[in-house]
Amino acid sequence: MPLLPLVGHTTLRDHLAAQWRAQRLPASILLHGPEGVGKQRLALWLGQLMLCEAESAPCGECQGCRYVLAGQHPDLHWIFPRPKLTGDAGPDEAKEDLDQAFADRVKDHGLYKRPGGSEGIYVYIGRLLVKQAALSPALGRRKIFIVGDAERMVPQASSPEAANAFLKLLEEPPANTTFILTSSEPTSLLPTIRSRVVSFRVSRLADADMRRFVAQPAVRERLGAGGSDDERLRLCDGAPGRLLSHDEQAAVLSRARAFIDAAQGGRERWLRAAFGQGGKGARGAFSDVLDAVSVLLHQRARDAAEAGRDQAAIAAARAMRAVEDAKLAAQQNVSPQLLSARLLRELSHLGS
């Protein structure tokens, strides 16, 4: 079963396609943006564009396109975080594991949950990438390497040669090779990686694009019954990938409600709630909570406005602005605990 069509990102797609046709597309690219907005699917679309055999690429009909959409093109390599293999794993074991995971994602139409916290891109995967980059294309005229969630690359002091070899590839890719990295936390990437790639921002999807995504039968089947589209779209906030983790989203929404309640429970509850957000390693989960807090505050502001409670609506709107400021700070490596303490104090004036 092929991957679902890419939805949205039209402006960025047009820009990337124009650079490719003008032979100005960088050989090492970073697609960065919020979690779940479709960065890896966009990277696959870009790989399909470069491997398409028609003039109006990507045509979706030629052998190159069909192979990419089926996850069977030998010159397109999709690398992403995986559970750590046991024993003395090497490139061969890494390839077998990734090939199966790639096939599983395609079988599910490219609909997958984000990796768990223990999954990473370990050193043996780096060795596999270096080994594959040294080979000539098998079918097309170039090779495409997509490295999803690139911030999950796990450096190992005992194996600096693998990391250095990958950095060398990014700096001086083979003439027939393109590297496309994706990241939701670009500031967490190694500085040596960030300095070797050209970055493109991937934005959240507009509401119309989100509704097109949700309307696809495979997505409908995955979501199942329960919950309206309006509720789902408010919660995922332009990030279709978040729709695929409803259990996790329910837990995040519960944490967001507890966060707002703590803001109105006095200083002792502020501090307990702030320390409960974890340190820098919890930034991803903390950002999810902030997104859910925004959704709840938006609903609160709208309900207050409809009920004629102007002061409550204004307070909720101001609180939303404080949350947006916290989101920006969270992307800059600031501790969730420090951000929470400041934000909870600001939300304490929210009122009922």
Protein backbone atom coordinates (compact mmCIF):
# COMPACT_ATOMS: atom_id res chain seq x y z
CA MET A 1 0.00 0.00 0.00
CA PRO A 2 1.61 3.31 -1.06
CA LEU A 3 2.24 6.37 1.05
CA LEU A 4 -0.61 8.85 1.32
CA PRO A 5 -0.26 12.01 -0.80
CA LEU A 6 1.50 14.94 0.79
CA VAL A 7 -0.99 17.59 1.92
CA GLY A 8 -0.14 21.29 2.20
CA HIS A 9 3.23 23.09 2.26
CA THR A 10 2.53 24.36 -1.27
CA THR A 11 4.71 27.48 -1.09
CA LEU A 12 7.72 25.61 0.26
CA ARG A 13 7.22 22.79 -2.24
CA ASP A 14 7.16 25.26 -5.12
CA HIS A 15 10.34 26.91 -3.83
CA LEU A 16 12.21 23.61 -3.44
CA ALA A 17 11.05 22.39 -6.85
CA ALA A 18 12.17 25.63 -8.49
CA GLN A 19 15.61 25.34 -6.88
CA TRP A 20 15.90 21.73 -8.04
CA ARG A 21 14.97 22.56 -11.64
CA ALA A 22 17.40 25.47 -11.63
CA GLN A 23 20.12 23.14 -10.26
CA ARG A 24 20.47 25.33 -7.16
CA LEU A 25 19.10 22.91 -4.56
CA PRO A 26 21.66 22.43 -1.76
CA ALA A 27 23.12 18.98 -1.35
CA SER A 28 22.67 19.03 2.45
CA ILE A 29 19.29 20.29 3.66
CA LEU A 30 17.57 20.66 7.03
CA LEU A 31 13.77 20.79 7.19
CA HIS A 32 12.81 22.06 10.62
CA GLY A 33 9.53 23.01 12.23
CA PRO A 34 6.99 21.98 14.88
CA GLU A 35 6.48 18.34 15.79
CA GLY A 36 4.10 16.45 13.50
CA VAL A 37 3.71 18.98 10.66
CA GLY A 38 4.89 16.50 8.01
CA LYS A 39 8.60 17.23 7.63
CA GLN A 40 9.57 13.64 6.83
CA ARG A 41 6.67 13.26 4.37
CA LEU A 42 7.84 16.48 2.72
CA ALA A 43 11.38 15.04 2.57
CA LEU A 44 10.02 11.92 0.87
CA TRP A 45 8.16 14.12 -1.64
CA LEU A 46 11.41 15.97 -2.36
CA GLY A 47 13.21 12.66 -2.83
CA GLN A 48 10.47 11.57 -5.23
CA LEU A 49 10.88 14.83 -7.15
CA MET A 50 14.59 14.22 -7.61
CA LEU A 51 14.13 10.57 -8.63
CA CYS A 52 11.17 11.18 -10.97
CA GLU A 53 11.79 10.31 -14.62
CA ALA A 54 9.23 12.73 -16.10
CA GLU A 55 9.55 16.42 -16.97
CA SER A 56 6.62 17.44 -14.77
CA ALA A 57 8.15 15.97 -11.61
CA PRO A 58 6.99 14.46 -9.43
CA CYS A 59 4.54 12.81 -11.80
CA GLY A 60 3.46 9.96 -9.53
CA GLU A 61 3.27 7.56 -12.48
CA CYS A 62 6.82 6.75 -13.60
CA GLN A 63 8.84 3.86 -12.22
CA GLY A 64 10.87 6.14 -9.96
CA CYS A 65 7.76 7.71 -8.41
CA ARG A 66 5.98 4.41 -7.96
CA TYR A 67 9.00 2.86 -6.29
CA VAL A 68 9.36 5.79 -3.88
CA LEU A 69 5.66 5.73 -2.94
CA ALA A 70 5.86 1.98 -2.35
CA GLY A 71 9.05 2.30 -0.27
CA GLN A 72 10.98 0.20 -2.77
CA HIS A 73 13.34 2.61 -4.49
CA PRO A 74 16.92 1.36 -3.97
CA ASP A 75 18.33 4.89 -4.17
CA LEU A 76 16.11 6.44 -1.50
CA HIS A 77 17.16 5.70 2.07
CA TRP A 78 14.91 6.71 4.99
CA ILE A 79 16.71 6.72 8.31
CA PHE A 80 14.94 7.51 11.58
CA PRO A 81 15.19 6.71 15.32
CA ARG A 82 14.95 3.06 16.25
CA PRO A 83 15.20 1.05 19.49
CA LYS A 84 18.80 0.21 20.24
CA LEU A 85 19.84 -3.17 18.89
CA THR A 86 21.33 -5.65 21.33
CA GLY A 87 24.75 -7.17 21.00
CA ASP A 88 27.53 -6.06 18.69
CA ALA A 89 25.30 -4.51 15.99
CA GLY A 90 26.85 -3.32 12.76
CA PRO A 91 25.70 -1.82 9.44
CA ASP A 92 24.16 -5.07 8.20
CA GLU A 93 21.97 -5.47 11.28
CA ALA A 94 21.07 -1.76 11.12
CA LYS A 95 20.01 -2.10 7.46
CA GLU A 96 17.81 -5.11 8.17
CA ASP A 97 16.12 -3.29 11.05
CA LEU A 98 15.58 -0.05 9.13
CA ASP A 99 14.34 -1.83 6.00
CA GLN A 100 11.66 -3.60 8.03
CA ALA A 101 10.69 -0.39 9.84
CA PHE A 102 10.50 1.48 6.51
CA ALA A 103 8.24 -1.26 5.10
CA ASP A 104 6.02 -1.10 8.19
CA ARG A 105 5.59 2.66 7.81
CA VAL A 106 4.68 2.31 4.15
CA LYS A 107 2.23 -0.50 4.97
CA ASP A 108 0.50 1.99 7.28
CA HIS A 109 0.42 4.61 4.46
CA GLY A 110 3.13 6.65 6.19
CA LEU A 111 0.93 7.15 9.28
CA TYR A 112 3.07 6.53 12.34
CA LYS A 113 3.49 7.77 15.89
CA ARG A 114 6.56 9.74 16.87
CA PRO A 115 9.49 7.70 18.25
CA GLY A 116 9.62 6.81 21.92
CA GLY A 117 12.08 8.53 24.21
CA SER A 118 14.58 5.63 24.15
CA GLU A 119 14.75 5.41 20.34
CA GLY A 120 17.71 7.00 18.62
CA ILE A 121 19.99 7.09 15.58
CA TYR A 122 22.86 5.09 17.00
CA VAL A 123 26.46 4.89 15.84
CA TYR A 124 25.95 1.68 13.82
CA ILE A 125 23.24 3.49 11.81
CA GLY A 126 25.78 6.22 11.11
CA ARG A 127 28.19 3.61 9.83
CA LEU A 128 25.46 2.19 7.58
CA LEU A 129 24.78 5.65 6.14
CA VAL A 130 28.47 6.22 5.40
CA LYS A 131 28.72 2.80 3.75
CA GLN A 132 25.65 3.36 1.55
CA ALA A 133 26.77 6.86 0.54
CA ALA A 134 29.96 5.39 -0.93
CA LEU A 135 27.98 3.22 -3.39
CA SER A 136 26.85 4.29 -6.85
CA PRO A 137 23.10 4.74 -7.52
CA ALA A 138 21.41 1.44 -8.29
CA LEU A 139 18.53 2.67 -10.46
CA GLY A 140 18.42 6.44 -10.79
CA ARG A 141 21.06 9.08 -11.30
CA ARG A 142 21.47 10.00 -7.64
CA LYS A 143 20.99 8.79 -4.07
CA ILE A 144 18.73 10.43 -1.47
CA PHE A 145 19.26 10.06 2.27
CA ILE A 146 16.45 11.23 4.55
CA VAL A 147 17.43 11.43 8.21
CA GLY A 148 14.27 11.96 10.26
CA ASP A 149 14.41 13.39 13.79
CA ALA A 150 18.08 14.12 13.26
CA GLU A 151 18.40 15.57 16.77
CA ARG A 152 18.18 11.95 17.96
CA MET A 153 21.65 11.16 16.59
CA VAL A 154 23.51 9.59 19.49
CA PRO A 155 27.20 10.58 19.61
CA GLN A 156 29.55 8.07 21.19
CA ALA A 157 32.93 9.16 22.43
CA SER A 158 34.30 5.68 21.74
CA SER A 159 33.39 5.90 18.04
CA PRO A 160 34.36 9.40 16.82
CA GLU A 161 35.32 8.10 13.38
CA ALA A 162 31.68 7.35 12.45
CA ALA A 163 30.48 10.82 13.47
CA ASN A 164 33.38 12.51 11.70
CA ALA A 165 32.74 10.52 8.53
CA PHE A 166 29.07 11.58 8.52
CA LEU A 167 30.00 15.22 9.09
CA LYS A 168 32.43 14.97 6.18
CA LEU A 169 29.60 13.65 4.00
CA LEU A 170 27.39 16.61 4.91
CA GLU A 171 30.18 19.06 4.21
CA GLU A 172 31.26 17.48 0.92
CA PRO A 173 28.50 15.13 -0.32
CA PRO A 174 29.28 12.91 -3.31
CA ALA A 175 28.24 14.58 -6.56
CA ASN A 176 25.23 12.28 -6.95
CA THR A 177 23.96 12.42 -3.36
CA THR A 178 21.51 14.58 -1.41
CA PHE A 179 21.04 14.56 2.36
CA ILE A 180 17.72 15.76 3.80
CA LEU A 181 17.64 16.04 7.58
CA THR A 182 14.49 16.85 9.55
CA SER A 183 14.20 18.11 13.10
CA SER A 184 11.59 19.48 15.48
CA GLU A 185 14.34 20.70 17.81
CA PRO A 186 17.04 22.19 15.56
CA THR A 187 18.82 23.82 18.50
CA SER A 188 19.43 20.32 19.87
CA LEU A 189 21.39 19.29 16.77
CA LEU A 190 25.14 19.17 17.06
CA PRO A 191 26.54 22.60 16.07
CA THR A 192 28.85 20.86 13.61
CA ILE A 193 25.76 19.46 11.83
CA ARG A 194 23.86 22.77 11.81
CA SER A 195 26.83 24.51 10.21
CA ARG A 196 26.87 22.06 7.30
CA VAL A 197 23.23 22.23 6.17
CA VAL A 198 20.94 24.80 4.54
CA SER A 199 17.77 25.22 6.60
CA PHE A 200 14.16 25.50 5.44
CA ARG A 201 11.32 26.21 7.86
CA VAL A 202 8.28 23.90 7.60
CA SER A 203 5.16 25.59 8.96
CA ARG A 204 1.96 24.24 10.45
CA LEU A 205 -0.83 23.32 8.03
CA ALA A 206 -3.74 25.64 7.42
CA ASP A 207 -7.19 24.52 8.59
CA ALA A 208 -8.32 23.69 5.03
CA ASP A 209 -5.28 21.44 4.51
CA MET A 210 -5.86 19.75 7.86
CA ARG A 211 -9.43 18.96 6.88
CA ARG A 212 -8.22 17.49 3.58
CA PHE A 213 -5.81 15.30 5.52
CA VAL A 214 -8.48 14.09 7.95
CA ALA A 215 -10.91 13.36 5.10
CA GLN A 216 -8.66 10.64 3.63
CA PRO A 217 -10.15 7.16 4.25
CA ALA A 218 -6.91 5.73 5.66
CA VAL A 219 -6.73 8.57 8.19
CA ARG A 220 -10.41 8.15 9.11
CA GLU A 221 -9.84 4.46 9.74
CA ARG A 222 -6.77 5.17 11.87
CA LEU A 223 -8.54 7.78 14.00
CA GLY A 224 -11.58 5.63 14.68
CA ALA A 225 -14.78 6.84 16.28
CA GLY A 226 -15.04 9.43 19.01
CA GLY A 227 -14.32 13.13 18.99
CA SER A 228 -15.34 15.69 16.41
CA ASP A 229 -13.06 16.96 13.68
CA ASP A 230 -13.20 20.43 15.22
CA GLU A 231 -11.92 19.13 18.56
CA ARG A 232 -9.20 17.09 16.92
CA LEU A 233 -8.00 19.96 14.74
CA ARG A 234 -7.91 22.42 17.62
CA LEU A 235 -5.79 20.08 19.67
CA CYS A 236 -3.28 19.16 16.96
CA ASP A 237 -2.89 22.84 15.92
CA GLY A 238 -1.87 22.35 12.29
CA ALA A 239 0.27 19.27 12.96
CA PRO A 240 -1.36 16.19 11.39
CA GLY A 241 1.12 13.83 13.02
CA ARG A 242 -0.38 14.61 16.40
CA LEU A 243 -3.70 13.15 15.30
CA LEU A 244 -2.09 9.72 15.23
CA SER A 245 -1.36 9.70 18.96
CA HIS A 246 -4.82 10.16 20.48
CA ASP A 247 -3.97 8.33 23.71
CA GLU A 248 -0.92 10.52 24.20
CA GLN A 249 -2.94 13.61 23.29
CA ALA A 250 -5.55 12.77 25.92
CA ALA A 251 -2.78 12.49 28.52
CA VAL A 252 -1.25 15.79 27.38
CA LEU A 253 -4.65 17.49 27.60
CA SER A 254 -5.05 16.20 31.14
CA ARG A 255 -1.63 17.60 32.06
CA ALA A 256 -2.56 20.95 30.50
CA ARG A 257 -5.75 21.16 32.57
CA ALA A 258 -3.76 20.33 35.71
CA PHE A 259 -1.22 23.02 34.74
CA ILE A 260 -3.92 25.70 34.51
CA ASP A 261 -5.51 24.53 37.77
CA ALA A 262 -2.13 24.72 39.52
CA ALA A 263 -1.72 28.32 38.38
CA GLN A 264 -4.73 29.25 40.49
CA GLY A 265 -3.82 27.13 43.49
CA GLY A 266 -1.21 29.29 45.18
CA ARG A 267 2.58 29.46 45.21
CA GLU A 268 3.14 25.98 46.64
CA ARG A 269 1.16 24.39 43.79
CA TRP A 270 3.03 26.55 41.27
CA LEU A 271 6.35 25.19 42.45
CA ARG A 272 5.18 21.57 42.50
CA ALA A 273 3.76 21.91 38.99
CA ALA A 274 6.92 23.65 37.72
CA PHE A 275 9.29 21.00 39.05
CA GLY A 276 7.00 18.33 37.63
CA GLN A 277 7.76 19.49 34.09
CA GLY A 278 11.30 18.04 34.19
CA GLY A 279 14.61 19.43 32.99
CA LYS A 280 15.97 20.22 29.53
CA GLY A 281 15.56 16.64 28.40
CA ALA A 282 11.79 17.04 28.77
CA ARG A 283 11.46 19.95 26.34
CA GLY A 284 9.51 17.98 23.76
CA ALA A 285 6.87 16.80 26.24
CA PHE A 286 6.73 20.28 27.80
CA SER A 287 6.10 21.88 24.41
CA ASP A 288 3.20 19.47 23.90
CA VAL A 289 1.70 20.59 27.20
CA LEU A 290 2.06 24.25 26.21
CA ASP A 291 0.28 23.55 22.92
CA ALA A 292 -2.58 21.94 24.82
CA VAL A 293 -2.70 24.86 27.27
CA SER A 294 -3.10 27.17 24.25
CA VAL A 295 -6.04 25.12 23.00
CA LEU A 296 -7.75 25.22 26.42
CA LEU A 297 -7.18 28.97 26.79
CA HIS A 298 -8.51 29.61 23.30
CA GLN A 299 -11.69 27.73 24.20
CA ARG A 300 -11.94 29.61 27.49
CA ALA A 301 -11.58 32.98 25.74
CA ARG A 302 -14.22 32.09 23.17
CA ASP A 303 -16.68 30.81 25.79
CA ALA A 304 -16.18 33.94 27.90
CA ALA A 305 -16.70 36.24 24.92
CA GLU A 306 -19.89 34.44 23.89
CA ALA A 307 -21.19 34.72 27.47
CA GLY A 308 -20.47 38.44 27.58
CA ARG A 309 -17.72 38.08 30.24
CA ASP A 310 -15.34 40.54 28.62
CA GLN A 311 -12.77 40.69 31.42
CA ALA A 312 -12.44 36.91 31.52
CA ALA A 313 -12.03 36.82 27.71
CA ILE A 314 -9.32 39.48 27.86
CA ALA A 315 -7.50 37.62 30.67
CA ALA A 316 -7.53 34.39 28.67
CA ALA A 317 -6.23 36.20 25.57
CA ARG A 318 -3.37 37.70 27.59
CA ALA A 319 -2.60 34.28 29.02
CA MET A 320 -2.43 32.85 25.50
CA ARG A 321 0.19 35.45 24.62
CA ALA A 322 2.25 34.44 27.67
CA VAL A 323 2.03 30.79 26.58
CA GLU A 324 3.23 31.68 23.06
CA ASP A 325 6.22 33.50 24.58
CA ALA A 326 6.98 30.39 26.64
CA LYS A 327 6.82 28.24 23.50
CA LEU A 328 9.46 30.40 21.82
CA ALA A 329 11.67 30.25 24.88
CA ALA A 330 11.30 26.46 25.04
CA GLN A 331 12.84 26.22 21.56
CA GLN A 332 15.94 28.02 22.83
CA ASN A 333 17.04 25.32 25.28
CA VAL A 334 15.54 27.03 28.34
CA SER A 335 14.67 24.67 31.20
CA PRO A 336 10.95 23.70 31.30
CA GLN A 337 11.04 24.12 35.08
CA LEU A 338 12.15 27.75 34.87
CA LEU A 339 9.67 28.53 32.12
CA SER A 340 6.86 26.86 34.05
CA ALA A 341 7.51 28.84 37.21
CA ARG A 342 7.32 32.12 35.32
CA LEU A 343 4.32 31.11 33.23
CA LEU A 344 2.34 29.76 36.19
CA ARG A 345 2.75 33.08 37.97
CA GLU A 346 1.42 34.91 34.93
CA LEU A 347 -1.51 32.50 34.61
CA SER A 348 -2.42 32.98 38.27
CA HIS A 349 -4.35 36.12 37.29
CA LEU A 350 -6.47 34.20 34.80
CA GLY A 351 -9.49 33.88 37.09
CA SER A 352 -12.29 31.43 36.73
